[in-house]
Amino acid sequence: ISTHPYGIKEMEATNNHGTCWAMQTAMFAKFTGNKE
């Protein structure tokens, strides 16, 4: 979701889709220890 074109497009969404991309990314990064 961080590198595929689908993920990049969702990351750049200007509404709730962008918020939800970040919400998921943050949680999955926390679980896997990805501080970056």
ModelCIF file with pLDDT and N, C-alpha, C, O atoms, coordinates in Angstrom:
data_MODEL
#
_entry.id   MODEL 
#
_entity.id                         1 
_entity.type                       polymer 
_entity.pdbx_number_of_molecules   1 
#
_entity_poly.entity_id                      1 
_entity_poly.type                           'polypeptide(L)' 
_entity_poly.nstd_linkage                   no 
_entity_poly.nstd_monomer                   no 
_entity_poly.pdbx_seq_one_letter_code       ISTHPYGIKEMEATNNHGTCWAMQTAMFAKFTGNKE 
_entity_poly.pdbx_seq_one_letter_code_can   ISTHPYGIKEMEATNNHGTCWAMQTAMFAKFTGNKE 
_entity_poly.pdbx_strand_id                 A 
#
loop_
_entity_poly_seq.entity_id 
_entity_poly_seq.num 
_entity_poly_seq.mon_id 
_entity_poly_seq.hetero 
1 1  ILE n 
1 2  SER n 
1 3  THR n 
1 4  HIS n 
1 5  PRO n 
1 6  TYR n 
1 7  GLY n 
1 8  ILE n 
1 9  LYS n 
1 10 GLU n 
1 11 MET n 
1 12 GLU n 
1 13 ALA n 
1 14 THR n 
1 15 ASN n 
1 16 ASN n 
1 17 HIS n 
1 18 GLY n 
1 19 THR n 
1 20 CYS n 
1 21 TRP n 
1 22 ALA n 
1 23 MET n 
1 24 GLN n 
1 25 THR n 
1 26 ALA n 
1 27 MET n 
1 28 PHE n 
1 29 ALA n 
1 30 LYS n 
1 31 PHE n 
1 32 THR n 
1 33 GLY n 
1 34 ASN n 
1 35 LYS n 
1 36 GLU n 
#
_struct_asym.id          A 
_struct_asym.entity_id   1 
#
loop_
_ma_qa_metric.id 
_ma_qa_metric.mode 
_ma_qa_metric.name 
_ma_qa_metric.software_group_id 
_ma_qa_metric.type 
1 global pLDDT . pLDDT 
2 local  pLDDT . pLDDT 
#
_ma_qa_metric_global.metric_id      1 
_ma_qa_metric_global.metric_value   97.64 
_ma_qa_metric_global.model_id       1 
_ma_qa_metric_global.ordinal_id     1 
#
loop_
_ma_qa_metric_local.label_asym_id 
_ma_qa_metric_local.label_comp_id 
_ma_qa_metric_local.label_seq_id 
_ma_qa_metric_local.metric_id 
_ma_qa_metric_local.metric_value 
_ma_qa_metric_local.model_id 
_ma_qa_metric_local.ordinal_id 
A ILE 1  2 98.00 1 1  
A SER 2  2 98.00 1 2  
A THR 3  2 98.00 1 3  
A HIS 4  2 98.00 1 4  
A PRO 5  2 97.00 1 5  
A TYR 6  2 97.00 1 6  
A GLY 7  2 98.00 1 7  
A ILE 8  2 98.00 1 8  
A LYS 9  2 96.00 1 9  
A GLU 10 2 97.00 1 10 
A MET 11 2 98.00 1 11 
A GLU 12 2 97.00 1 12 
A ALA 13 2 97.00 1 13 
A THR 14 2 95.00 1 14 
A ASN 15 2 97.00 1 15 
A ASN 16 2 97.00 1 16 
A HIS 17 2 97.00 1 17 
A GLY 18 2 98.00 1 18 
A THR 19 2 98.00 1 19 
A CYS 20 2 98.00 1 20 
A TRP 21 2 98.00 1 21 
A ALA 22 2 98.00 1 22 
A MET 23 2 98.00 1 23 
A GLN 24 2 98.00 1 24 
A THR 25 2 98.00 1 25 
A ALA 26 2 98.00 1 26 
A MET 27 2 98.00 1 27 
A PHE 28 2 98.00 1 28 
A ALA 29 2 98.00 1 29 
A LYS 30 2 98.00 1 30 
A PHE 31 2 98.00 1 31 
A THR 32 2 98.00 1 32 
A GLY 33 2 98.00 1 33 
A ASN 34 2 98.00 1 34 
A LYS 35 2 98.00 1 35 
A GLU 36 2 98.00 1 36 
#
loop_
_atom_site.group_PDB 
_atom_site.id 
_atom_site.type_symbol 
_atom_site.label_atom_id 
_atom_site.label_alt_id 
_atom_site.label_comp_id 
_atom_site.label_asym_id 
_atom_site.label_entity_id 
_atom_site.label_seq_id 
_atom_site.pdbx_PDB_ins_code 
_atom_site.Cartn_x 
_atom_site.Cartn_y 
_atom_site.Cartn_z 
_atom_site.occupancy 
_atom_site.B_iso_or_equiv 
_atom_site.pdbx_formal_charge 
_atom_site.auth_seq_id 
_atom_site.auth_comp_id 
_atom_site.auth_asym_id 
_atom_site.auth_atom_id 
_atom_site.pdbx_PDB_model_num 
ATOM 1   N N  . ILE A 1 1  ? 0.824   -1.218 0.000  1.00 98.00 ? 1  ILE A N  1 
ATOM 2   C CA . ILE A 1 1  ? 0.000   0.000  0.000  1.00 98.00 ? 1  ILE A CA 1 
ATOM 3   C C  . ILE A 1 1  ? 0.858   1.267  0.000  1.00 98.00 ? 1  ILE A C  1 
ATOM 4   O O  . ILE A 1 1  ? 0.344   2.365  -0.216 1.00 98.00 ? 1  ILE A O  1 
ATOM 5   N N  . SER A 1 2  ? 2.156   1.118  0.241  1.00 98.00 ? 2  SER A N  1 
ATOM 6   C CA . SER A 1 2  ? 3.047   2.274  0.241  1.00 98.00 ? 2  SER A CA 1 
ATOM 7   C C  . SER A 1 2  ? 3.714   2.502  -1.109 1.00 98.00 ? 2  SER A C  1 
ATOM 8   O O  . SER A 1 2  ? 4.168   3.610  -1.396 1.00 98.00 ? 2  SER A O  1 
ATOM 9   N N  . THR A 1 3  ? 3.778   1.468  -1.939 1.00 98.00 ? 3  THR A N  1 
ATOM 10  C CA . THR A 1 3  ? 4.558   1.580  -3.173 1.00 98.00 ? 3  THR A CA 1 
ATOM 11  C C  . THR A 1 3  ? 3.770   1.298  -4.447 1.00 98.00 ? 3  THR A C  1 
ATOM 12  O O  . THR A 1 3  ? 4.128   1.807  -5.509 1.00 98.00 ? 3  THR A O  1 
ATOM 13  N N  . HIS A 1 4  ? 2.713   0.506  -4.371 1.00 98.00 ? 4  HIS A N  1 
ATOM 14  C CA . HIS A 1 4  ? 1.931   0.203  -5.570 1.00 98.00 ? 4  HIS A CA 1 
ATOM 15  C C  . HIS A 1 4  ? 1.174   1.455  -6.021 1.00 98.00 ? 4  HIS A C  1 
ATOM 16  O O  . HIS A 1 4  ? 0.773   2.260  -5.180 1.00 98.00 ? 4  HIS A O  1 
ATOM 17  N N  . PRO A 1 5  ? 0.973   1.633  -7.314 1.00 97.00 ? 5  PRO A N  1 
ATOM 18  C CA . PRO A 1 5  ? 0.219   2.806  -7.792 1.00 97.00 ? 5  PRO A CA 1 
ATOM 19  C C  . PRO A 1 5  ? -1.150  2.965  -7.130 1.00 97.00 ? 5  PRO A C  1 
ATOM 20  O O  . PRO A 1 5  ? -1.592  4.088  -6.886 1.00 97.00 ? 5  PRO A O  1 
ATOM 21  N N  . TYR A 1 6  ? -1.819  1.857  -6.839 1.00 97.00 ? 6  TYR A N  1 
ATOM 22  C CA . TYR A 1 6  ? -3.101  1.947  -6.134 1.00 97.00 ? 6  TYR A CA 1 
ATOM 23  C C  . TYR A 1 6  ? -2.912  2.596  -4.756 1.00 97.00 ? 6  TYR A C  1 
ATOM 24  O O  . TYR A 1 6  ? -3.684  3.466  -4.354 1.00 97.00 ? 6  TYR A O  1 
ATOM 25  N N  . GLY A 1 7  ? -1.878  2.157  -4.050 1.00 98.00 ? 7  GLY A N  1 
ATOM 26  C CA . GLY A 1 7  ? -1.631  2.696  -2.728 1.00 98.00 ? 7  GLY A CA 1 
ATOM 27  C C  . GLY A 1 7  ? -1.230  4.157  -2.766 1.00 98.00 ? 7  GLY A C  1 
ATOM 28  O O  . GLY A 1 7  ? -1.691  4.951  -1.945 1.00 98.00 ? 7  GLY A O  1 
ATOM 29  N N  . ILE A 1 8  ? -0.376  4.518  -3.710 1.00 98.00 ? 8  ILE A N  1 
ATOM 30  C CA . ILE A 1 8  ? 0.062   5.907  -3.835 1.00 98.00 ? 8  ILE A CA 1 
ATOM 31  C C  . ILE A 1 8  ? -1.124  6.817  -4.159 1.00 98.00 ? 8  ILE A C  1 
ATOM 32  O O  . ILE A 1 8  ? -1.239  7.916  -3.615 1.00 98.00 ? 8  ILE A O  1 
ATOM 33  N N  . LYS A 1 9  ? -1.999  6.353  -5.045 1.00 96.00 ? 9  LYS A N  1 
ATOM 34  C CA . LYS A 1 9  ? -3.180  7.152  -5.389 1.00 96.00 ? 9  LYS A CA 1 
ATOM 35  C C  . LYS A 1 9  ? -4.092  7.327  -4.177 1.00 96.00 ? 9  LYS A C  1 
ATOM 36  O O  . LYS A 1 9  ? -4.651  8.404  -3.968 1.00 96.00 ? 9  LYS A O  1 
ATOM 37  N N  . GLU A 1 10 ? -4.239  6.285  -3.391 1.00 97.00 ? 10 GLU A N  1 
ATOM 38  C CA . GLU A 1 10 ? -5.081  6.364  -2.198 1.00 97.00 ? 10 GLU A CA 1 
ATOM 39  C C  . GLU A 1 10 ? -4.439  7.269  -1.152 1.00 97.00 ? 10 GLU A C  1 
ATOM 40  O O  . GLU A 1 10 ? -5.135  8.024  -0.474 1.00 97.00 ? 10 GLU A O  1 
ATOM 41  N N  . MET A 1 11 ? -3.145  7.197  -1.020 1.00 98.00 ? 11 MET A N  1 
ATOM 42  C CA . MET A 1 11 ? -2.432  8.074  -0.095 1.00 98.00 ? 11 MET A CA 1 
ATOM 43  C C  . MET A 1 11 ? -2.696  9.533  -0.444 1.00 98.00 ? 11 MET A C  1 
ATOM 44  O O  . MET A 1 11 ? -2.841  10.368 0.449  1.00 98.00 ? 11 MET A O  1 
ATOM 45  N N  . GLU A 1 12 ? -2.759  9.843  -1.714 1.00 97.00 ? 12 GLU A N  1 
ATOM 46  C CA . GLU A 1 12 ? -2.914  11.221 -2.181 1.00 97.00 ? 12 GLU A CA 1 
ATOM 47  C C  . GLU A 1 12 ? -4.361  11.688 -2.211 1.00 97.00 ? 12 GLU A C  1 
ATOM 48  O O  . GLU A 1 12 ? -4.621  12.844 -2.543 1.00 97.00 ? 12 GLU A O  1 
ATOM 49  N N  . ALA A 1 13 ? -5.316  10.813 -1.871 1.00 97.00 ? 13 ALA A N  1 
ATOM 50  C CA . ALA A 1 13 ? -6.731  11.192 -1.871 1.00 97.00 ? 13 ALA A CA 1 
ATOM 51  C C  . ALA A 1 13 ? -6.963  12.352 -0.904 1.00 97.00 ? 13 ALA A C  1 
ATOM 52  O O  . ALA A 1 13 ? -6.345  12.411 0.160  1.00 97.00 ? 13 ALA A O  1 
ATOM 53  N N  . THR A 1 14 ? -7.849  13.267 -1.272 1.00 95.00 ? 14 THR A N  1 
ATOM 54  C CA . THR A 1 14 ? -8.039  14.493 -0.493 1.00 95.00 ? 14 THR A CA 1 
ATOM 55  C C  . THR A 1 14 ? -9.225  14.429 0.464  1.00 95.00 ? 14 THR A C  1 
ATOM 56  O O  . THR A 1 14 ? -9.596  15.435 1.069  1.00 95.00 ? 14 THR A O  1 
ATOM 57  N N  . ASN A 1 15 ? -9.820  13.241 0.599  1.00 97.00 ? 15 ASN A N  1 
ATOM 58  C CA . ASN A 1 15 ? -10.969 13.111 1.501  1.00 97.00 ? 15 ASN A CA 1 
ATOM 59  C C  . ASN A 1 15 ? -10.728 11.966 2.476  1.00 97.00 ? 15 ASN A C  1 
ATOM 60  O O  . ASN A 1 15 ? -9.582  11.660 2.804  1.00 97.00 ? 15 ASN A O  1 
ATOM 61  N N  . ASN A 1 16 ? -11.805 11.329 2.944  1.00 97.00 ? 16 ASN A N  1 
ATOM 62  C CA . ASN A 1 16 ? -11.676 10.261 3.943  1.00 97.00 ? 16 ASN A CA 1 
ATOM 63  C C  . ASN A 1 16 ? -10.810 9.100  3.474  1.00 97.00 ? 16 ASN A C  1 
ATOM 64  O O  . ASN A 1 16 ? -10.259 8.374  4.302  1.00 97.00 ? 16 ASN A O  1 
ATOM 65  N N  . HIS A 1 17 ? -10.680 8.907  2.169  1.00 97.00 ? 17 HIS A N  1 
ATOM 66  C CA . HIS A 1 17 ? -9.831  7.820  1.674  1.00 97.00 ? 17 HIS A CA 1 
ATOM 67  C C  . HIS A 1 17 ? -8.365  8.060  2.041  1.00 97.00 ? 17 HIS A C  1 
ATOM 68  O O  . HIS A 1 17 ? -7.655  7.127  2.416  1.00 97.00 ? 17 HIS A O  1 
ATOM 69  N N  . GLY A 1 18 ? -7.919  9.308  1.932  1.00 98.00 ? 18 GLY A N  1 
ATOM 70  C CA . GLY A 1 18 ? -6.553  9.618  2.332  1.00 98.00 ? 18 GLY A CA 1 
ATOM 71  C C  . GLY A 1 18 ? -6.350  9.443  3.832  1.00 98.00 ? 18 GLY A C  1 
ATOM 72  O O  . GLY A 1 18 ? -5.315  8.944  4.274  1.00 98.00 ? 18 GLY A O  1 
ATOM 73  N N  . THR A 1 19 ? -7.346  9.858  4.608  1.00 98.00 ? 19 THR A N  1 
ATOM 74  C CA . THR A 1 19 ? -7.266  9.684  6.061  1.00 98.00 ? 19 THR A CA 1 
ATOM 75  C C  . THR A 1 19 ? -7.184  8.204  6.420  1.00 98.00 ? 19 THR A C  1 
ATOM 76  O O  . THR A 1 19 ? -6.390  7.801  7.271  1.00 98.00 ? 19 THR A O  1 
ATOM 77  N N  . CYS A 1 20 ? -8.019  7.398  5.756  1.00 98.00 ? 20 CYS A N  1 
ATOM 78  C CA . CYS A 1 20 ? -8.050  5.965  6.068  1.00 98.00 ? 20 CYS A CA 1 
ATOM 79  C C  . CYS A 1 20 ? -6.791  5.253  5.606  1.00 98.00 ? 20 CYS A C  1 
ATOM 80  O O  . CYS A 1 20 ? -6.370  4.274  6.223  1.00 98.00 ? 20 CYS A O  1 
ATOM 81  N N  . TRP A 1 21 ? -6.184  5.735  4.525  1.00 98.00 ? 21 TRP A N  1 
ATOM 82  C CA . TRP A 1 21 ? -4.889  5.161  4.119  1.00 98.00 ? 21 TRP A CA 1 
ATOM 83  C C  . TRP A 1 21 ? -3.872  5.382  5.238  1.00 98.00 ? 21 TRP A C  1 
ATOM 84  O O  . TRP A 1 21 ? -3.152  4.458  5.618  1.00 98.00 ? 21 TRP A O  1 
ATOM 85  N N  . ALA A 1 22 ? -3.814  6.598  5.761  1.00 98.00 ? 22 ALA A N  1 
ATOM 86  C CA . ALA A 1 22 ? -2.847  6.909  6.812  1.00 98.00 ? 22 ALA A CA 1 
ATOM 87  C C  . ALA A 1 22 ? -3.169  6.160  8.103  1.00 98.00 ? 22 ALA A C  1 
ATOM 88  O O  . ALA A 1 22 ? -2.263  5.698  8.797  1.00 98.00 ? 22 ALA A O  1 
ATOM 89  N N  . MET A 1 23 ? -4.440  6.040  8.421  1.00 98.00 ? 23 MET A N  1 
ATOM 90  C CA . MET A 1 23 ? -4.843  5.313  9.632  1.00 98.00 ? 23 MET A CA 1 
ATOM 91  C C  . MET A 1 23 ? -4.377  3.861  9.565  1.00 98.00 ? 23 MET A C  1 
ATOM 92  O O  . MET A 1 23 ? -3.854  3.325  10.542 1.00 98.00 ? 23 MET A O  1 
ATOM 93  N N  . GLN A 1 24 ? -4.567  3.233  8.414  1.00 98.00 ? 24 GLN A N  1 
ATOM 94  C CA . GLN A 1 24 ? -4.112  1.849  8.250  1.00 98.00 ? 24 GLN A CA 1 
ATOM 95  C C  . GLN A 1 24 ? -2.586  1.762  8.254  1.00 98.00 ? 24 GLN A C  1 
ATOM 96  O O  . GLN A 1 24 ? -2.007  0.929  8.950  1.00 98.00 ? 24 GLN A O  1 
ATOM 97  N N  . THR A 1 25 ? -1.958  2.609  7.490  1.00 98.00 ? 25 THR A N  1 
ATOM 98  C CA . THR A 1 25 ? -0.505  2.587  7.382  1.00 98.00 ? 25 THR A CA 1 
ATOM 99  C C  . THR A 1 25 ? 0.137   2.773  8.749  1.00 98.00 ? 25 THR A C  1 
ATOM 100 O O  . THR A 1 25 ? 1.100   2.088  9.092  1.00 98.00 ? 25 THR A O  1 
ATOM 101 N N  . ALA A 1 26 ? -0.401  3.702  9.519  1.00 98.00 ? 26 ALA A N  1 
ATOM 102 C CA . ALA A 1 26 ? 0.142   3.953  10.853 1.00 98.00 ? 26 ALA A CA 1 
ATOM 103 C C  . ALA A 1 26 ? 0.023   2.718  11.740 1.00 98.00 ? 26 ALA A C  1 
ATOM 104 O O  . ALA A 1 26 ? 0.967   2.372  12.450 1.00 98.00 ? 26 ALA A O  1 
ATOM 105 N N  . MET A 1 27 ? -1.135  2.050  11.704 1.00 98.00 ? 27 MET A N  1 
ATOM 106 C CA . MET A 1 27 ? -1.348  0.880  12.559 1.00 98.00 ? 27 MET A CA 1 
ATOM 107 C C  . MET A 1 27 ? -0.468  -0.278 12.130 1.00 98.00 ? 27 MET A C  1 
ATOM 108 O O  . MET A 1 27 ? 0.140   -0.941 12.971 1.00 98.00 ? 27 MET A O  1 
ATOM 109 N N  . PHE A 1 28 ? -0.395  -0.527 10.844 1.00 98.00 ? 28 PHE A N  1 
ATOM 110 C CA . PHE A 1 28 ? 0.402   -1.651 10.364 1.00 98.00 ? 28 PHE A CA 1 
ATOM 111 C C  . PHE A 1 28 ? 1.895   -1.372 10.559 1.00 98.00 ? 28 PHE A C  1 
ATOM 112 O O  . PHE A 1 28 ? 2.676   -2.292 10.799 1.00 98.00 ? 28 PHE A O  1 
ATOM 113 N N  . ALA A 1 29 ? 2.285   -0.099 10.454 1.00 98.00 ? 29 ALA A N  1 
ATOM 114 C CA . ALA A 1 29 ? 3.676   0.269  10.722 1.00 98.00 ? 29 ALA A CA 1 
ATOM 115 C C  . ALA A 1 29 ? 4.001   0.106  12.202 1.00 98.00 ? 29 ALA A C  1 
ATOM 116 O O  . ALA A 1 29 ? 5.093   -0.337 12.555 1.00 98.00 ? 29 ALA A O  1 
ATOM 117 N N  . LYS A 1 30 ? 3.067   0.458  13.052 1.00 98.00 ? 30 LYS A N  1 
ATOM 118 C CA . LYS A 1 30 ? 3.281   0.284  14.490 1.00 98.00 ? 30 LYS A CA 1 
ATOM 119 C C  . LYS A 1 30 ? 3.433   -1.190 14.833 1.00 98.00 ? 30 LYS A C  1 
ATOM 120 O O  . LYS A 1 30 ? 4.288   -1.554 15.640 1.00 98.00 ? 30 LYS A O  1 
ATOM 121 N N  . PHE A 1 31 ? 2.620   -2.028 14.235 1.00 98.00 ? 31 PHE A N  1 
ATOM 122 C CA . PHE A 1 31 ? 2.660   -3.465 14.503 1.00 98.00 ? 31 PHE A CA 1 
ATOM 123 C C  . PHE A 1 31 ? 3.963   -4.083 14.022 1.00 98.00 ? 31 PHE A C  1 
ATOM 124 O O  . PHE A 1 31 ? 4.490   -4.999 14.653 1.00 98.00 ? 31 PHE A O  1 
ATOM 125 N N  . THR A 1 32 ? 4.481   -3.587 12.909 1.00 98.00 ? 32 THR A N  1 
ATOM 126 C CA . THR A 1 32 ? 5.699   -4.162 12.327 1.00 98.00 ? 32 THR A CA 1 
ATOM 127 C C  . THR A 1 32 ? 6.967   -3.399 12.720 1.00 98.00 ? 32 THR A C  1 
ATOM 128 O O  . THR A 1 32 ? 8.064   -3.773 12.305 1.00 98.00 ? 32 THR A O  1 
ATOM 129 N N  . GLY A 1 33 ? 6.829   -2.342 13.511 1.00 98.00 ? 33 GLY A N  1 
ATOM 130 C CA . GLY A 1 33 ? 7.995   -1.598 13.959 1.00 98.00 ? 33 GLY A CA 1 
ATOM 131 C C  . GLY A 1 33 ? 8.604   -0.687 12.916 1.00 98.00 ? 33 GLY A C  1 
ATOM 132 O O  . GLY A 1 33 ? 9.799   -0.397 12.969 1.00 98.00 ? 33 GLY A O  1 
ATOM 133 N N  . ASN A 1 34 ? 7.803   -0.231 11.968 1.00 98.00 ? 34 ASN A N  1 
ATOM 134 C CA . ASN A 1 34 ? 8.304   0.630  10.900 1.00 98.00 ? 34 ASN A CA 1 
ATOM 135 C C  . ASN A 1 34 ? 8.128   2.098  11.312 1.00 98.00 ? 34 ASN A C  1 
ATOM 136 O O  . ASN A 1 34 ? 7.114   2.719  10.991 1.00 98.00 ? 34 ASN A O  1 
ATOM 137 N N  . LYS A 1 35 ? 9.105   2.638  12.011 1.00 98.00 ? 35 LYS A N  1 
ATOM 138 C CA . LYS A 1 35 ? 9.009   3.995  12.557 1.00 98.00 ? 35 LYS A CA 1 
ATOM 139 C C  . LYS A 1 35 ? 9.000   5.060  11.463 1.00 98.00 ? 35 LYS A C  1 
ATOM 140 O O  . LYS A 1 35 ? 8.403   6.124  11.629 1.00 98.00 ? 35 LYS A O  1 
ATOM 141 N N  . GLU A 1 36 ? 9.662   4.769  10.346 1.00 98.00 ? 36 GLU A N  1 
ATOM 142 C CA . GLU A 1 36 ? 9.691   5.731  9.240  1.00 98.00 ? 36 GLU A CA 1 
ATOM 143 C C  . GLU A 1 36 ? 8.281   5.980  8.707  1.00 98.00 ? 36 GLU A C  1 
ATOM 144 O O  . GLU A 1 36 ? 8.104   6.762  7.773  1.00 98.00 ? 36 GLU A O  1 
#
